[in-house]
Amino acid sequence: MSFLARTARAAFQLLLSSFLLSVRYYATEAPAGSGDRLRLSFALPHQTIYSKAEVQQVNIASTAGDMGILANHVPSIEQLKPGVIEILENPNTSKKYFVSGGFAIVNPNSSLDINAIEAFPLDEFSPEAIRTNLAEAQRVASTASTEEEKAVAKIEVEVYEALQAALGKTS
């Protein structure tokens, strides 16, 4: 083997070994230690819902798919889609909020920052009102005269459909 081939092979092995040492993996379950809880900050433009609160797990609806976030989760930034954020404070306590959109930032220090445009407790919604408003938004979307009106109505339809699906999952 030539000097150049040996050097290239050694460089490749060094690169491969350093890559394998730096790989991070998704959390599969929360670690058992007391200090291994997720620190959650959940804020709206007008209100802070959680501020560095220790929780067991947070489930979000992101544009990349639904995901559960535990302590030691791989860092990422997720765009939230209209849907439910479920916060498991402990194995027996869960709170659910419907968000219309926003971002979730998973930090490498077992903390999660959620910034949402709007969020409301899921139990505050009336299924009848959602059905009525969804039908109206669908009517406006199909009869709107301008592209702007159609776009606004389609966004409303998407949010009402997501809210209707969220309420269907809880019953």
C-alpha atoms as a PDB file:
ATOM      1  CA  MET A   1       0.000   0.000   0.000  1.00  0.00           C
ATOM      2  CA  SER A   2       1.379   3.379  -0.956  1.00  0.00           C
ATOM      3  CA  PHE A   3       2.144   6.160   1.498  1.00  0.00           C
ATOM      4  CA  LEU A   4      -0.739   8.239   0.072  1.00  0.00           C
ATOM      5  CA  ALA A   5      -3.210   5.358   0.431  1.00  0.00           C
ATOM      6  CA  ARG A   6      -2.111   4.671   4.045  1.00  0.00           C
ATOM      7  CA  THR A   7      -2.412   8.359   4.937  1.00  0.00           C
ATOM      8  CA  ALA A   8      -5.857   8.635   3.359  1.00  0.00           C
ATOM      9  CA  ARG A   9      -7.021   5.491   5.162  1.00  0.00           C
ATOM     10  CA  ALA A  10      -5.696   6.739   8.530  1.00  0.00           C
ATOM     11  CA  ALA A  11      -7.370  10.120   8.025  1.00  0.00           C
ATOM     12  CA  PHE A  12     -10.658   8.423   7.129  1.00  0.00           C
ATOM     13  CA  GLN A  13     -10.510   6.186  10.239  1.00  0.00           C
ATOM     14  CA  LEU A  14      -9.756   9.188  12.441  1.00  0.00           C
ATOM     15  CA  LEU A  15     -12.673  11.119  10.936  1.00  0.00           C
ATOM     16  CA  LEU A  16     -15.013   8.138  11.322  1.00  0.00           C
ATOM     17  CA  SER A  17     -14.043   7.527  14.964  1.00  0.00           C
ATOM     18  CA  SER A  18     -14.505  11.200  15.892  1.00  0.00           C
ATOM     19  CA  PHE A  19     -17.908  11.204  14.149  1.00  0.00           C
ATOM     20  CA  LEU A  20     -19.055   8.109  16.035  1.00  0.00           C
ATOM     21  CA  LEU A  21     -18.054   9.671  19.360  1.00  0.00           C
ATOM     22  CA  SER A  22     -20.071  12.848  18.677  1.00  0.00           C
ATOM     23  CA  VAL A  23     -23.366  11.245  17.615  1.00  0.00           C
ATOM     24  CA  ARG A  24     -26.378  12.015  19.817  1.00  0.00           C
ATOM     25  CA  TYR A  25     -29.437   9.825  20.056  1.00  0.00           C
ATOM     26  CA  TYR A  26     -33.113  10.477  20.805  1.00  0.00           C
ATOM     27  CA  ALA A  27     -34.202   9.813  24.368  1.00  0.00           C
ATOM     28  CA  THR A  28     -36.131   6.563  24.672  1.00  0.00           C
ATOM     29  CA  GLU A  29     -37.233   7.011  28.263  1.00  0.00           C
ATOM     30  CA  ALA A  30     -36.698   9.487  31.041  1.00  0.00           C
ATOM     31  CA  PRO A  31     -33.725   8.633  33.246  1.00  0.00           C
ATOM     32  CA  ALA A  32     -34.593   7.541  36.783  1.00  0.00           C
ATOM     33  CA  GLY A  33     -32.577  10.125  38.748  1.00  0.00           C
ATOM     34  CA  SER A  34     -34.309  13.027  40.502  1.00  0.00           C
ATOM     35  CA  GLY A  35     -32.240  15.602  38.606  1.00  0.00           C
ATOM     36  CA  ASP A  36     -33.230  14.146  35.253  1.00  0.00           C
ATOM     37  CA  ARG A  37     -36.422  16.081  34.653  1.00  0.00           C
ATOM     38  CA  LEU A  38     -37.191  18.351  31.765  1.00  0.00           C
ATOM     39  CA  ARG A  39     -37.262  22.092  32.568  1.00  0.00           C
ATOM     40  CA  LEU A  40     -40.167  23.659  30.664  1.00  0.00           C
ATOM     41  CA  SER A  41     -40.721  27.294  29.779  1.00  0.00           C
ATOM     42  CA  PHE A  42     -43.987  27.833  27.871  1.00  0.00           C
ATOM     43  CA  ALA A  43     -44.764  31.427  26.900  1.00  0.00           C
ATOM     44  CA  LEU A  44     -47.281  33.389  24.870  1.00  0.00           C
ATOM     45  CA  PRO A  45     -46.876  37.027  23.829  1.00  0.00           C
ATOM     46  CA  HIS A  46     -49.151  38.087  26.717  1.00  0.00           C
ATOM     47  CA  GLN A  47     -48.651  35.337  29.311  1.00  0.00           C
ATOM     48  CA  THR A  48     -46.150  32.858  30.738  1.00  0.00           C
ATOM     49  CA  ILE A  49     -47.784  29.479  31.361  1.00  0.00           C
ATOM     50  CA  TYR A  50     -44.683  27.650  32.680  1.00  0.00           C
ATOM     51  CA  SER A  51     -41.382  29.197  33.731  1.00  0.00           C
ATOM     52  CA  LYS A  52     -38.527  26.698  34.155  1.00  0.00           C
ATOM     53  CA  ALA A  53     -40.932  24.181  35.693  1.00  0.00           C
ATOM     54  CA  GLU A  54     -39.684  20.637  36.114  1.00  0.00           C
ATOM     55  CA  VAL A  55     -41.882  18.169  34.230  1.00  0.00           C
ATOM     56  CA  GLN A  56     -41.592  14.539  33.230  1.00  0.00           C
ATOM     57  CA  GLN A  57     -42.449  14.826  29.518  1.00  0.00           C
ATOM     58  CA  VAL A  58     -43.956  17.163  26.923  1.00  0.00           C
ATOM     59  CA  ASN A  59     -45.753  15.919  23.801  1.00  0.00           C
ATOM     60  CA  ILE A  60     -45.995  18.369  20.894  1.00  0.00           C
ATOM     61  CA  ALA A  61     -47.561  18.510  17.444  1.00  0.00           C
ATOM     62  CA  SER A  62     -44.855  19.757  15.084  1.00  0.00           C
ATOM     63  CA  THR A  63     -44.697  20.094  11.326  1.00  0.00           C
ATOM     64  CA  ALA A  64     -42.186  17.194  11.372  1.00  0.00           C
ATOM     65  CA  GLY A  65     -44.718  15.011  13.234  1.00  0.00           C
ATOM     66  CA  ASP A  66     -45.952  14.416  16.756  1.00  0.00           C
ATOM     67  CA  MET A  67     -43.158  13.905  19.249  1.00  0.00           C
ATOM     68  CA  GLY A  68     -42.560  13.322  22.919  1.00  0.00           C
ATOM     69  CA  ILE A  69     -39.759  15.223  24.605  1.00  0.00           C
ATOM     70  CA  LEU A  70     -38.004  13.916  27.703  1.00  0.00           C
ATOM     71  CA  ALA A  71     -34.921  14.982  29.647  1.00  0.00           C
ATOM     72  CA  ASN A  72     -31.693  14.540  27.651  1.00  0.00           C
ATOM     73  CA  HIS A  73     -33.528  14.748  24.316  1.00  0.00           C
ATOM     74  CA  VAL A  74     -31.464  15.576  21.267  1.00  0.00           C
ATOM     75  CA  PRO A  75     -31.390  19.374  20.716  1.00  0.00           C
ATOM     76  CA  SER A  76     -33.696  20.595  17.966  1.00  0.00           C
ATOM     77  CA  ILE A  77     -35.962  23.404  16.849  1.00  0.00           C
ATOM     78  CA  GLU A  78     -39.480  22.378  15.887  1.00  0.00           C
ATOM     79  CA  GLN A  79     -42.167  24.455  14.233  1.00  0.00           C
ATOM     80  CA  LEU A  80     -45.486  23.827  15.954  1.00  0.00           C
ATOM     81  CA  LYS A  81     -48.573  23.189  13.878  1.00  0.00           C
ATOM     82  CA  PRO A  82     -52.105  23.730  15.165  1.00  0.00           C
ATOM     83  CA  GLY A  83     -52.567  20.967  17.707  1.00  0.00           C
ATOM     84  CA  VAL A  84     -52.198  19.805  21.267  1.00  0.00           C
ATOM     85  CA  ILE A  85     -49.314  20.259  23.645  1.00  0.00           C
ATOM     86  CA  GLU A  86     -49.586  17.736  26.455  1.00  0.00           C
ATOM     87  CA  ILE A  87     -47.536  18.361  29.581  1.00  0.00           C
ATOM     88  CA  LEU A  88     -46.999  15.407  31.899  1.00  0.00           C
ATOM     89  CA  GLU A  89     -45.979  17.004  35.168  1.00  0.00           C
ATOM     90  CA  ASN A  90     -45.723  13.565  36.785  1.00  0.00           C
ATOM     91  CA  PRO A  91     -47.109  10.095  35.938  1.00  0.00           C
ATOM     92  CA  ASN A  92     -50.565  11.010  37.305  1.00  0.00           C
ATOM     93  CA  THR A  93     -50.947  14.643  36.180  1.00  0.00           C
ATOM     94  CA  SER A  94     -51.349  15.799  32.599  1.00  0.00           C
ATOM     95  CA  LYS A  95     -52.371  19.201  31.209  1.00  0.00           C
ATOM     96  CA  LYS A  96     -53.366  19.740  27.585  1.00  0.00           C
ATOM     97  CA  TYR A  97     -53.299  23.003  25.652  1.00  0.00           C
ATOM     98  CA  PHE A  98     -54.376  23.693  22.101  1.00  0.00           C
ATOM     99  CA  VAL A  99     -51.882  25.912  20.253  1.00  0.00           C
ATOM    100  CA  SER A 100     -52.398  27.551  16.892  1.00  0.00           C
ATOM    101  CA  GLY A 101     -48.686  27.564  16.063  1.00  0.00           C
ATOM    102  CA  GLY A 102     -45.264  28.589  17.305  1.00  0.00           C
ATOM    103  CA  PHE A 103     -41.867  27.025  17.994  1.00  0.00           C
ATOM    104  CA  ALA A 104     -40.417  24.500  20.430  1.00  0.00           C
ATOM    105  CA  ILE A 105     -36.691  24.665  21.133  1.00  0.00           C
ATOM    106  CA  VAL A 106     -35.135  21.605  22.763  1.00  0.00           C
ATOM    107  CA  ASN A 107     -31.886  22.675  24.421  1.00  0.00           C
ATOM    108  CA  PRO A 108     -28.912  20.415  25.231  1.00  0.00           C
ATOM    109  CA  ASN A 109     -29.294  21.085  28.984  1.00  0.00           C
ATOM    110  CA  SER A 110     -32.606  19.178  29.315  1.00  0.00           C
ATOM    111  CA  SER A 111     -34.702  22.296  28.935  1.00  0.00           C
ATOM    112  CA  LEU A 112     -37.535  23.014  26.517  1.00  0.00           C
ATOM    113  CA  ASP A 113     -38.710  26.472  25.464  1.00  0.00           C
ATOM    114  CA  ILE A 114     -42.121  26.702  23.811  1.00  0.00           C
ATOM    115  CA  ASN A 115     -43.183  30.000  22.271  1.00  0.00           C
ATOM    116  CA  ALA A 116     -46.721  29.930  20.952  1.00  0.00           C
ATOM    117  CA  ILE A 117     -48.922  32.556  19.392  1.00  0.00           C
ATOM    118  CA  GLU A 118     -52.009  31.385  21.265  1.00  0.00           C
ATOM    119  CA  ALA A 119     -52.656  28.540  23.697  1.00  0.00           C
ATOM    120  CA  PHE A 120     -55.796  27.573  25.543  1.00  0.00           C
ATOM    121  CA  PRO A 121     -56.603  24.690  27.898  1.00  0.00           C
ATOM    122  CA  LEU A 122     -58.248  22.008  25.785  1.00  0.00           C
ATOM    123  CA  ASP A 123     -61.171  21.579  28.178  1.00  0.00           C
ATOM    124  CA  GLU A 124     -62.325  25.182  27.539  1.00  0.00           C
ATOM    125  CA  PHE A 125     -63.567  24.382  24.005  1.00  0.00           C
ATOM    126  CA  SER A 126     -67.116  23.509  23.005  1.00  0.00           C
ATOM    127  CA  PRO A 127     -67.384  20.782  20.332  1.00  0.00           C
ATOM    128  CA  GLU A 128     -70.633  22.319  19.062  1.00  0.00           C
ATOM    129  CA  ALA A 129     -69.061  25.757  18.606  1.00  0.00           C
ATOM    130  CA  ILE A 130     -66.118  24.209  16.773  1.00  0.00           C
ATOM    131  CA  ARG A 131     -68.434  22.339  14.363  1.00  0.00           C
ATOM    132  CA  THR A 132     -70.398  25.539  13.675  1.00  0.00           C
ATOM    133  CA  ASN A 133     -67.292  27.680  13.123  1.00  0.00           C
ATOM    134  CA  LEU A 134     -65.655  24.983  10.961  1.00  0.00           C
ATOM    135  CA  ALA A 135     -68.704  24.838   8.695  1.00  0.00           C
ATOM    136  CA  GLU A 136     -68.679  28.635   8.369  1.00  0.00           C
ATOM    137  CA  ALA A 137     -64.946  28.728   7.587  1.00  0.00           C
ATOM    138  CA  GLN A 138     -65.391  26.000   4.955  1.00  0.00           C
ATOM    139  CA  ARG A 139     -68.274  27.972   3.389  1.00  0.00           C
ATOM    140  CA  VAL A 140     -66.163  31.152   3.265  1.00  0.00           C
ATOM    141  CA  ALA A 141     -63.195  29.231   1.808  1.00  0.00           C
ATOM    142  CA  SER A 142     -65.323  27.891  -1.034  1.00  0.00           C
ATOM    143  CA  THR A 143     -67.130  31.169  -1.805  1.00  0.00           C
ATOM    144  CA  ALA A 144     -64.452  33.805  -1.116  1.00  0.00           C
ATOM    145  CA  SER A 145     -63.998  36.304  -3.932  1.00  0.00           C
ATOM    146  CA  THR A 146     -60.345  37.246  -3.338  1.00  0.00           C
ATOM    147  CA  GLU A 147     -57.235  35.133  -2.817  1.00  0.00           C
ATOM    148  CA  GLU A 148     -56.614  36.849   0.514  1.00  0.00           C
ATOM    149  CA  GLU A 149     -60.075  35.897   1.821  1.00  0.00           C
ATOM    150  CA  LYS A 150     -59.558  32.314   0.625  1.00  0.00           C
ATOM    151  CA  ALA A 151     -56.153  32.084   2.330  1.00  0.00           C
ATOM    152  CA  VAL A 152     -57.509  33.392   5.642  1.00  0.00           C
ATOM    153  CA  ALA A 153     -60.474  31.006   5.482  1.00  0.00           C
ATOM    154  CA  LYS A 154     -58.191  28.039   4.698  1.00  0.00           C
ATOM    155  CA  ILE A 155     -56.076  28.834   7.759  1.00  0.00           C
ATOM    156  CA  GLU A 156     -59.243  28.966   9.879  1.00  0.00           C
ATOM    157  CA  VAL A 157     -60.361  25.618   8.436  1.00  0.00           C
ATOM    158  CA  GLU A 158     -56.970  24.067   9.280  1.00  0.00           C
ATOM    159  CA  VAL A 159     -57.108  25.322  12.872  1.00  0.00           C
ATOM    160  CA  TYR A 160     -60.730  24.213  13.420  1.00  0.00           C
ATOM    161  CA  GLU A 161     -60.027  20.782  11.920  1.00  0.00           C
ATOM    162  CA  ALA A 162     -57.001  20.349  14.185  1.00  0.00           C
ATOM    163  CA  LEU A 163     -59.027  21.469  17.194  1.00  0.00           C
ATOM    164  CA  GLN A 164     -61.849  19.091  16.286  1.00  0.00           C
ATOM    165  CA  ALA A 165     -59.362  16.216  15.940  1.00  0.00           C
ATOM    166  CA  ALA A 166     -57.775  17.127  19.299  1.00  0.00           C
ATOM    167  CA  LEU A 167     -61.120  17.046  21.055  1.00  0.00           C
ATOM    168  CA  GLY A 168     -61.944  13.744  19.380  1.00  0.00           C
ATOM    169  CA  LYS A 169     -58.767  12.194  20.840  1.00  0.00           C
ATOM    170  CA  THR A 170     -59.684  13.178  24.390  1.00  0.00           C
ATOM    171  CA  SER A 171     -63.194  11.773  24.438  1.00  0.00           C
END
